[in-house]
Amino acid sequence: MARAAGVSRATVSRVINGIRNVDPAIQERVRQAIALTGYAPNQAARSLVTRRTGVIALIASGAGSGEENPFPGQIFADPFFGRVAGGVVGHLRPLGVHPVLMFADTLESRDQIISFLRQGNADGAILISISAGDTLPKLLADASLPAVLFARPVRPIPISYVDVAHRTGGKLAADHLVARGCRRLATISGPLDLPASQDRLAGFQEAMAVHGHPYIPCAEGNFTFASGEAAMERLLAEHPGIDGVFVANDVMAQGALGVLGHHGRRVPGDVAVVGFDDSSAALACRPPLTTVRHPIEDMAAEMARLLLAHIEQPDLPVTSRIFEPILVVRESA
C-alpha cells in the first residue's frame, strides 16, 4: 500500500490514524491508493497496538426522561441532525473511522454512554446537545473523555466545541431586512435558554437598534414547524402591521410562511422573511427562503478533525472553532 502511494509506511499509518501533520496532497494520494488496492487494516491487531477501536460515538442528547419521550423522532425529523451526521461521516469514512449513533434522552442512557466510553468501546465522542438542562457535556468533561460538542455549552465547562458566529448571523438578517425597506419588524426566536438562540436574537436586536429600531417584538419558538406557526400567529395578532420577520431557523420559518399565506399576507410583497440555517427546509419553502447559512457540514467535519486530534494528543488543551455565517438571498426577502 505504501509503495502504491509512493510514501513511507509511517506516512500511511499517520493518514489512516487521522494524524493532522500530513500534507493534504499526500493524504489524498494515500486515500487514492487505499481505494485502488482495497487495503483494509487488521482492526483487531491494530487495536491491540494502538488501544484504539476506530469507532467514534455520535451522540444526540436531549432532556427527555420517559418512555414516551419523542426525542429520537424529533431528531430524525429535523434536517439539522442529518447535516451534522453527513459532515462527520464524510470526514471519518476515508480514514477508516466509523461513527456509532447513540441517543441520550434519559438519565439511564447518559450513564450507559459514559460507561460505554470508559470501557474503551469507542475512542471518543461527538456530541449534539439540544437541551439547556443536558448534563452529558459536563459528565464527559468530568470523566476526561475525548469529546467535542456542537455549539457553545450553556455553562462554561472544559470541553472543546465548534460553533457559528450567531450574533453575526442575526446582524446579517437585520441589515438585509432594513435594506429592503422594512420598518415594522419582528422576530421568532429559538428556545431562549440556549446560547445559540440568545445570540441570534441579540445580534438581530443590536443591529436593529443601530438602524434606529430599539424595540423589536419577539415570539419564542422551539425550532419546530408547529412552534413557527404558533409564534407567527401571536405576532400577527399583537402586531398586525409587521412587514419583516427574522426567524431563528428555517423549519420555523416554513411554518411562519404558511400562517402568513393563510392570513393573506404576500411574501415578500407584504412581509419579508429571513430564516437561519440554509437547510433543505429553506428550499422547500414557497417562496424559497432567504436565510443565513449555518455551515453545518463544514462544522461537523471540523468536529471530527478536532476529536481525532484530542484522541491522538490526550494533553491537547480544550479549544473552540468559530465559523462565519453568510446571507443566502432567495425570494422571501
Protein backbone atom coordinates (compact mmCIF):
# COMPACT_ATOMS: atom_id res chain seq x y z
CA MET A 1 0.00 0.00 0.00
CA ALA A 2 2.84 2.41 0.90
CA ARG A 3 4.51 1.52 -2.42
CA ALA A 4 1.29 2.24 -4.35
CA ALA A 5 1.06 5.68 -2.74
CA GLY A 6 4.78 6.37 -3.14
CA VAL A 7 5.22 7.18 0.55
CA SER A 8 6.63 5.52 3.66
CA ARG A 9 4.72 3.09 5.85
CA ALA A 10 4.89 5.64 8.66
CA THR A 11 3.13 8.21 6.47
CA VAL A 12 0.41 5.70 5.57
CA SER A 13 -0.04 4.97 9.26
CA ARG A 14 -0.38 8.67 10.08
CA VAL A 15 -3.04 9.16 7.41
CA ILE A 16 -5.02 6.07 8.45
CA ASN A 17 -4.90 7.15 12.08
CA GLY A 18 -6.08 10.68 11.29
CA ILE A 19 -2.92 12.44 12.44
CA ARG A 20 -3.06 16.01 11.13
CA ASN A 21 0.60 16.76 10.35
CA VAL A 22 0.49 15.24 6.85
CA ASP A 23 0.40 17.39 3.73
CA PRO A 24 -3.14 17.38 2.23
CA ALA A 25 -1.83 16.33 -1.20
CA ILE A 26 -0.06 13.33 0.37
CA GLN A 27 -3.19 12.45 2.33
CA GLU A 28 -5.13 12.39 -0.93
CA ARG A 29 -2.52 10.11 -2.59
CA VAL A 30 -2.76 7.68 0.32
CA ARG A 31 -6.56 7.65 0.17
CA GLN A 32 -6.48 7.00 -3.57
CA ALA A 33 -4.03 4.14 -3.01
CA ILE A 34 -6.36 2.71 -0.34
CA ALA A 35 -9.25 2.80 -2.79
CA LEU A 36 -7.13 1.33 -5.61
CA THR A 37 -5.64 -1.54 -3.63
CA GLY A 38 -8.67 -2.29 -1.46
CA TYR A 39 -6.39 -2.13 1.57
CA ALA A 40 -8.07 -2.85 4.91
CA PRO A 41 -6.05 -2.78 8.15
CA ASN A 42 -6.43 -5.67 10.56
CA GLN A 43 -8.58 -3.88 13.11
CA ALA A 44 -8.13 -6.39 15.92
CA ALA A 45 -4.33 -6.32 15.63
CA ARG A 46 -4.32 -2.56 15.25
CA SER A 47 -6.46 -2.13 18.38
CA LEU A 48 -4.05 -4.22 20.45
CA VAL A 49 -1.17 -1.97 19.42
CA THR A 50 -2.86 1.44 19.43
CA ARG A 51 -5.50 0.78 22.11
CA ARG A 52 -8.00 2.33 19.72
CA THR A 53 -11.18 0.93 18.27
CA GLY A 54 -11.57 3.03 15.13
CA VAL A 55 -15.07 3.86 16.41
CA ILE A 56 -16.46 7.29 17.35
CA ALA A 57 -19.69 7.77 19.30
CA LEU A 58 -22.00 10.27 17.57
CA ILE A 59 -24.38 11.22 20.38
CA ALA A 60 -27.67 13.08 20.11
CA SER A 61 -28.59 14.26 23.58
CA GLY A 62 -31.87 15.74 24.82
CA ALA A 63 -33.58 16.27 28.14
CA GLY A 64 -36.30 13.61 27.97
CA SER A 65 -36.81 11.21 30.84
CA GLY A 66 -39.75 9.00 29.99
CA GLU A 67 -40.58 6.02 27.77
CA GLU A 68 -42.93 8.13 25.64
CA ASN A 69 -40.31 10.80 25.03
CA PRO A 70 -40.47 11.68 21.27
CA PHE A 71 -36.85 12.84 21.21
CA PRO A 72 -35.41 10.35 18.64
CA GLY A 73 -38.29 11.10 16.27
CA GLN A 74 -37.70 14.84 16.58
CA ILE A 75 -34.03 14.35 15.77
CA PHE A 76 -34.72 12.46 12.54
CA ALA A 77 -37.44 14.94 11.50
CA ASP A 78 -35.05 17.90 11.67
CA PRO A 79 -32.67 18.35 8.69
CA PHE A 80 -30.06 19.78 11.08
CA PHE A 81 -29.08 16.39 12.54
CA GLY A 82 -28.74 14.74 9.13
CA ARG A 83 -26.40 17.50 8.02
CA VAL A 84 -24.21 17.06 11.11
CA ALA A 85 -24.11 13.29 10.63
CA GLY A 86 -23.25 13.70 6.95
CA GLY A 87 -20.36 16.05 7.71
CA VAL A 88 -18.97 13.73 10.38
CA VAL A 89 -19.24 10.59 8.25
CA GLY A 90 -17.82 12.36 5.21
CA HIS A 91 -14.64 13.19 7.11
CA LEU A 92 -14.22 9.97 9.08
CA ARG A 93 -15.05 7.33 6.46
CA PRO A 94 -11.95 7.83 4.26
CA LEU A 95 -9.84 7.43 7.42
CA GLY A 96 -11.41 4.09 8.29
CA VAL A 97 -13.09 5.54 11.38
CA HIS A 98 -16.76 4.71 11.92
CA PRO A 99 -19.37 6.59 13.95
CA VAL A 100 -21.88 4.69 16.06
CA LEU A 101 -25.14 6.57 16.67
CA MET A 102 -26.27 6.84 20.28
CA PHE A 103 -29.22 8.60 21.93
CA ALA A 104 -29.01 10.17 25.38
CA ASP A 105 -32.58 11.04 26.28
CA THR A 106 -32.78 9.67 29.84
CA LEU A 107 -30.54 9.69 32.91
CA GLU A 108 -30.05 5.96 32.45
CA SER A 109 -28.96 6.34 28.81
CA ARG A 110 -26.44 9.02 29.79
CA ASP A 111 -24.90 6.72 32.39
CA GLN A 112 -24.78 3.91 29.82
CA ILE A 113 -22.94 6.14 27.33
CA ILE A 114 -20.35 7.21 29.90
CA SER A 115 -19.81 3.55 30.80
CA PHE A 116 -19.58 2.59 27.10
CA LEU A 117 -16.84 5.17 26.56
CA ARG A 118 -14.98 4.42 29.80
CA GLN A 119 -14.81 0.74 28.81
CA GLY A 120 -12.99 1.69 25.62
CA ASN A 121 -15.78 0.73 23.20
CA ALA A 122 -15.22 3.99 21.31
CA ASP A 123 -12.24 6.31 21.08
CA GLY A 124 -14.19 9.49 21.75
CA ALA A 125 -17.49 11.28 21.28
CA ILE A 126 -19.05 13.93 19.09
CA LEU A 127 -21.99 15.38 20.99
CA ILE A 128 -25.04 17.22 19.70
CA SER A 129 -26.85 18.57 22.75
CA ILE A 130 -30.24 20.20 22.19
CA SER A 131 -31.32 20.95 25.76
CA ALA A 132 -30.17 23.64 28.16
CA GLY A 133 -30.53 21.20 31.06
CA ASP A 134 -28.45 18.47 29.47
CA THR A 135 -25.88 17.06 31.92
CA LEU A 136 -23.97 14.94 29.40
CA PRO A 137 -21.41 17.59 28.32
CA LYS A 138 -20.29 18.00 31.93
CA LEU A 139 -20.27 14.24 32.52
CA LEU A 140 -17.92 13.81 29.53
CA ALA A 141 -15.68 16.63 30.73
CA ASP A 142 -15.59 15.33 34.32
CA ALA A 143 -14.64 11.86 33.04
CA SER A 144 -11.78 13.35 30.95
CA LEU A 145 -13.08 11.53 27.88
CA PRO A 146 -12.13 12.83 24.40
CA ALA A 147 -15.19 14.74 23.24
CA VAL A 148 -16.22 17.66 21.04
CA LEU A 149 -19.53 19.49 21.38
CA PHE A 150 -21.60 21.04 18.61
CA ALA A 151 -22.24 24.65 19.76
CA ARG A 152 -21.07 26.55 22.80
CA PRO A 153 -22.13 24.87 26.06
CA VAL A 154 -24.81 26.52 28.16
CA ARG A 155 -22.46 26.76 31.14
CA PRO A 156 -18.66 27.11 30.98
CA ILE A 157 -17.11 23.63 31.13
CA PRO A 158 -13.73 22.32 29.87
CA ILE A 159 -14.92 20.74 26.61
CA SER A 160 -13.92 21.64 23.05
CA TYR A 161 -16.66 22.87 20.75
CA VAL A 162 -17.39 24.08 17.23
CA ASP A 163 -19.91 26.85 16.62
CA VAL A 164 -21.02 29.60 14.25
CA ALA A 165 -21.00 33.35 14.97
CA HIS A 166 -24.72 33.54 15.75
CA ARG A 167 -24.71 37.26 16.57
CA THR A 168 -23.18 37.99 13.18
CA GLY A 169 -25.97 35.96 11.59
CA GLY A 170 -28.64 37.97 13.38
CA LYS A 171 -26.97 41.19 12.21
CA LEU A 172 -26.89 39.96 8.60
CA ALA A 173 -30.64 39.33 8.75
CA ALA A 174 -31.34 42.77 10.27
CA ASP A 175 -29.20 44.64 7.74
CA HIS A 176 -30.86 42.85 4.83
CA LEU A 177 -34.42 43.47 6.01
CA VAL A 178 -33.72 47.15 6.66
CA ALA A 179 -32.03 47.49 3.25
CA ARG A 180 -35.22 46.09 1.68
CA GLY A 181 -37.19 48.91 3.26
CA CYS A 182 -38.80 47.01 6.16
CA ARG A 183 -39.70 49.31 9.04
CA ARG A 184 -42.04 47.30 11.28
CA LEU A 185 -40.02 44.26 12.12
CA ALA A 186 -40.46 41.30 14.45
CA THR A 187 -38.58 38.10 15.20
CA ILE A 188 -39.28 34.49 16.11
CA SER A 189 -36.53 33.22 18.40
CA GLY A 190 -35.47 29.72 19.28
CA PRO A 191 -35.64 28.46 22.90
CA LEU A 192 -34.17 31.30 24.95
CA ASP A 193 -32.40 29.01 27.38
CA LEU A 194 -29.97 28.04 24.58
CA PRO A 195 -26.90 30.21 23.84
CA ALA A 196 -27.45 29.95 20.07
CA SER A 197 -30.99 31.35 20.35
CA GLN A 198 -29.88 34.09 22.74
CA ASP A 199 -27.06 35.14 20.42
CA ARG A 200 -29.16 35.15 17.23
CA LEU A 201 -31.77 37.29 18.96
CA ALA A 202 -29.18 39.64 20.49
CA GLY A 203 -27.39 40.10 17.17
CA PHE A 204 -30.66 40.97 15.45
CA GLN A 205 -31.83 43.34 18.20
CA GLU A 206 -28.46 45.11 18.47
CA ALA A 207 -28.27 45.66 14.71
CA MET A 208 -31.86 46.93 14.63
CA ALA A 209 -31.05 49.39 17.41
CA VAL A 210 -28.18 50.72 15.30
CA HIS A 211 -30.71 51.18 12.48
CA GLY A 212 -32.95 53.20 14.82
CA HIS A 213 -35.36 50.47 15.90
CA PRO A 214 -34.80 49.95 19.64
CA TYR A 215 -37.82 47.68 20.22
CA ILE A 216 -38.40 44.50 18.21
CA PRO A 217 -41.39 42.30 19.10
CA CYS A 218 -40.32 38.70 19.73
CA ALA A 219 -42.22 35.42 19.97
CA GLU A 220 -40.32 32.38 21.25
CA GLY A 221 -40.40 29.05 19.41
CA ASN A 222 -38.60 25.74 19.90
CA PHE A 223 -37.16 25.18 16.40
CA THR A 224 -40.14 23.07 15.22
CA PHE A 225 -42.56 23.73 12.36
CA ALA A 226 -45.55 23.91 14.73
CA SER A 227 -43.82 26.41 17.01
CA GLY A 228 -43.10 28.63 14.00
CA GLU A 229 -46.78 28.58 13.12
CA ALA A 230 -47.85 29.42 16.68
CA ALA A 231 -45.28 32.22 17.04
CA MET A 232 -46.32 33.82 13.75
CA GLU A 233 -49.96 33.71 14.80
CA ARG A 234 -49.08 35.51 18.05
CA LEU A 235 -47.05 38.16 16.27
CA LEU A 236 -49.79 38.89 13.73
CA ALA A 237 -52.42 39.12 16.46
CA GLU A 238 -50.37 41.55 18.54
CA HIS A 239 -48.60 43.45 15.73
CA PRO A 240 -50.72 43.24 12.56
CA GLY A 241 -48.60 45.83 10.72
CA ILE A 242 -45.46 43.67 10.60
CA ASP A 243 -43.57 43.99 7.30
CA GLY A 244 -40.44 41.96 8.07
CA VAL A 245 -39.62 38.90 10.19
CA PHE A 246 -36.37 37.23 11.16
CA VAL A 247 -36.95 33.59 12.15
CA ALA A 248 -34.25 31.76 14.11
CA ASN A 249 -34.33 28.61 11.96
CA ASP A 250 -35.65 27.54 8.56
CA VAL A 251 -38.09 24.94 9.90
CA MET A 252 -39.89 27.56 12.00
CA ALA A 253 -39.76 29.97 9.05
CA GLN A 254 -41.52 27.35 6.93
CA GLY A 255 -44.33 27.24 9.49
CA ALA A 256 -44.45 31.05 9.64
CA LEU A 257 -44.78 31.34 5.85
CA GLY A 258 -47.82 29.06 5.91
CA VAL A 259 -49.51 31.27 8.51
CA LEU A 260 -48.73 34.43 6.56
CA GLY A 261 -50.29 32.89 3.47
CA HIS A 262 -53.36 31.81 5.43
CA HIS A 263 -53.84 35.43 6.56
CA GLY A 264 -53.49 36.74 3.01
CA ARG A 265 -50.06 38.30 3.52
CA ARG A 266 -47.90 38.17 0.39
CA VAL A 267 -44.23 37.23 0.83
CA PRO A 268 -42.15 39.26 0.21
CA GLY A 269 -44.62 41.92 -1.00
CA ASP A 270 -46.36 42.46 2.35
CA VAL A 271 -43.95 40.72 4.71
CA ALA A 272 -40.30 39.86 4.04
CA VAL A 273 -38.99 36.75 5.83
CA VAL A 274 -35.41 35.70 6.61
CA GLY A 275 -34.56 32.34 8.20
CA PHE A 276 -31.43 30.78 9.64
CA ASP A 277 -29.56 27.56 8.67
CA ASP A 278 -29.86 27.26 4.87
CA SER A 279 -31.27 23.76 5.30
CA SER A 280 -33.43 21.70 2.94
CA ALA A 281 -36.44 23.40 4.56
CA ALA A 282 -35.33 26.73 3.04
CA LEU A 283 -35.61 25.31 -0.48
CA ALA A 284 -38.93 23.60 0.33
CA CYS A 285 -40.49 26.95 1.31
CA ARG A 286 -42.78 28.81 -1.08
CA PRO A 287 -41.33 31.23 -1.98
CA PRO A 288 -37.80 29.83 -1.45
CA LEU A 289 -36.41 31.25 1.76
CA THR A 290 -33.75 33.90 2.13
CA THR A 291 -31.68 32.65 5.04
CA VAL A 292 -28.45 32.92 6.99
CA ARG A 293 -26.24 29.97 6.07
CA HIS A 294 -25.12 27.88 9.03
CA PRO A 295 -22.17 25.89 7.53
CA ILE A 296 -23.16 22.73 9.40
CA GLU A 297 -21.38 20.17 7.20
CA ASP A 298 -18.10 22.09 7.41
CA MET A 299 -18.52 22.49 11.16
CA ALA A 300 -19.25 18.78 11.60
CA ALA A 301 -16.12 17.85 9.64
CA GLU A 302 -14.12 20.20 11.87
CA MET A 303 -15.60 18.50 14.93
CA ALA A 304 -14.33 15.18 13.61
CA ARG A 305 -10.86 16.63 12.91
CA LEU A 306 -10.70 18.20 16.35
CA LEU A 307 -11.81 14.99 18.08
CA LEU A 308 -9.17 12.94 16.26
CA ALA A 309 -6.57 15.48 17.41
CA HIS A 310 -7.73 15.07 21.03
CA ILE A 311 -7.55 11.28 20.68
CA GLU A 312 -4.05 11.47 19.20
CA GLN A 313 -2.86 14.04 21.77
CA PRO A 314 -4.65 13.46 25.10
CA ASP A 315 -2.99 16.55 26.63
CA LEU A 316 -4.26 18.87 23.88
CA PRO A 317 -5.96 21.87 25.53
CA VAL A 318 -9.69 22.35 25.05
CA THR A 319 -10.38 24.72 22.18
CA SER A 320 -13.11 26.27 20.09
CA ARG A 321 -13.61 26.77 16.37
CA ILE A 322 -16.00 29.54 15.30
CA PHE A 323 -17.30 29.70 11.71
CA GLU A 324 -18.66 32.80 9.98
CA PRO A 325 -22.21 32.75 8.56
CA ILE A 326 -23.23 34.23 5.20
CA LEU A 327 -26.56 35.51 3.90
CA VAL A 328 -28.15 33.48 1.10
CA VAL A 329 -30.66 35.65 -0.77
CA ARG A 330 -33.62 33.93 -2.39
CA GLU A 331 -37.21 35.08 -2.96
CA SER A 332 -38.71 35.58 0.51
CA ALA A 333 -36.79 38.77 1.28
